[in-house]
Structures are given as C-alpha cells and as structure tokens.
C-alpha atoms as a PDB file:
ATOM      1  CA  UNK A   1     -70.609  62.387  45.416  1.00  0.00           C
ATOM      2  CA  UNK A   2     -68.959  63.985  42.381  1.00  0.00           C
ATOM      3  CA  UNK A   3     -68.476  60.628  40.618  1.00  0.00           C
ATOM      4  CA  UNK A   4     -72.215  60.390  40.053  1.00  0.00           C
ATOM      5  CA  UNK A   5     -72.443  63.763  38.313  1.00  0.00           C
ATOM      6  CA  UNK A   6     -72.575  62.823  34.577  1.00  0.00           C
ATOM      7  CA  UNK A   7     -72.094  66.327  33.224  1.00  0.00           C
ATOM      8  CA  UNK A   8     -68.266  66.518  32.986  1.00  0.00           C
ATOM      9  CA  UNK A   9     -67.893  62.871  31.957  1.00  0.00           C
ATOM     10  CA  UNK A  10     -70.505  63.144  29.240  1.00  0.00           C
ATOM     11  CA  UNK A  11     -68.749  66.221  27.839  1.00  0.00           C
ATOM     12  CA  UNK A  12     -65.415  64.389  27.887  1.00  0.00           C
ATOM     13  CA  UNK A  13     -67.026  61.443  26.092  1.00  0.00           C
ATOM     14  CA  UNK A  14     -68.572  63.650  23.417  1.00  0.00           C
ATOM     15  CA  UNK A  15     -65.409  65.665  22.797  1.00  0.00           C
ATOM     16  CA  UNK A  16     -63.227  62.566  22.633  1.00  0.00           C
ATOM     17  CA  UNK A  17     -65.585  61.006  20.043  1.00  0.00           C
ATOM     18  CA  UNK A  18     -65.566  64.222  18.026  1.00  0.00           C
ATOM     19  CA  UNK A  19     -61.780  64.161  18.005  1.00  0.00           C
ATOM     20  CA  UNK A  20     -61.726  60.501  16.979  1.00  0.00           C
ATOM     21  CA  UNK A  21     -64.240  61.118  14.196  1.00  0.00           C
ATOM     22  CA  UNK A  22     -62.332  64.164  12.939  1.00  0.00           C
ATOM     23  CA  UNK A  23     -58.783  62.749  13.059  1.00  0.00           C
ATOM     24  CA  UNK A  24     -58.890  59.023  12.386  1.00  0.00           C
ATOM     25  CA  UNK A  25     -61.106  58.699   9.233  1.00  0.00           C
ATOM     26  CA  UNK A  26     -58.937  60.957   7.037  1.00  0.00           C
ATOM     27  CA  UNK A  27     -55.853  59.001   8.074  1.00  0.00           C
ATOM     28  CA  UNK A  28     -57.526  55.696   7.280  1.00  0.00           C
ATOM     29  CA  UNK A  29     -58.938  56.908   3.968  1.00  0.00           C
ATOM     30  CA  UNK A  30     -55.528  58.257   2.912  1.00  0.00           C
ATOM     31  CA  UNK A  31     -53.979  54.800   3.274  1.00  0.00           C
ATOM     32  CA  UNK A  32     -52.759  53.308   0.030  1.00  0.00           C
ATOM     33  CA  UNK A  33     -51.761  49.737  -0.597  1.00  0.00           C
ATOM     34  CA  UNK A  34     -48.205  49.172  -1.832  1.00  0.00           C
ATOM     35  CA  UNK A  35     -49.374  46.641  -4.423  1.00  0.00           C
ATOM     36  CA  UNK A  36     -52.429  47.751  -6.322  1.00  0.00           C
ATOM     37  CA  UNK A  37     -54.599  44.863  -7.495  1.00  0.00           C
ATOM     38  CA  UNK A  38     -54.455  44.084 -11.190  1.00  0.00           C
ATOM     39  CA  UNK A  39     -57.435  43.118 -13.284  1.00  0.00           C
ATOM     40  CA  UNK A  40     -57.499  39.511 -14.340  1.00  0.00           C
ATOM     41  CA  UNK A  41     -58.468  38.456 -17.808  1.00  0.00           C
ATOM     42  CA  UNK A  42     -61.943  37.120 -18.435  1.00  0.00           C
ATOM     43  CA  UNK A  43     -60.600  34.059 -20.262  1.00  0.00           C
ATOM     44  CA  UNK A  44     -60.780  30.807 -18.402  1.00  0.00           C
ATOM     45  CA  UNK A  45     -57.503  28.890 -18.434  1.00  0.00           C
ATOM     46  CA  UNK A  46     -57.638  25.601 -20.273  1.00  0.00           C
ATOM     47  CA  UNK A  47     -57.442  22.719 -17.855  1.00  0.00           C
ATOM     48  CA  UNK A  48     -56.585  19.197 -18.935  1.00  0.00           C
ATOM     49  CA  UNK A  49     -57.952  16.201 -17.132  1.00  0.00           C
ATOM     50  CA  UNK A  50     -55.509  13.981 -15.357  1.00  0.00           C
ATOM     51  CA  UNK A  51     -54.484  10.711 -16.883  1.00  0.00           C
ATOM     52  CA  UNK A  52     -54.153   8.136 -14.159  1.00  0.00           C
ATOM     53  CA  UNK A  53     -51.771   5.365 -15.232  1.00  0.00           C
ATOM     54  CA  UNK A  54     -53.261   2.714 -12.959  1.00  0.00           C
ATOM     55  CA  UNK A  55     -56.827   2.905 -14.278  1.00  0.00           C
END
C-alpha cells in the first residue's frame, strides 16, 4: 500500500516546514506598529483622597 510508505510524505513535511521557516519569520519581524509606545514619566501622579460628605 503506497499510503504506508513514509518517504514522500516525510520529504513533503520537511520541505513545507523549511518554506514556512524561511518565508514567515521575516514577514513577521518586519511588522511595525502604527502607534509606537511612548515612555511614561517616572513621577507618580498626585492623588487626593476622597472626601465623603456623609461621614
């Protein structure tokens, strides 16, 4: 039965993975975000405690 012969299917598997590893990573690594993140200041904002009128 030719379906049980792993030789052509293993070669197809290996070549398809080589193509995926050669084509997809450069495309993913070349992706840039439209909005670059900005650095936030190290200062903590001053927060006031709430004044509850009913206490």
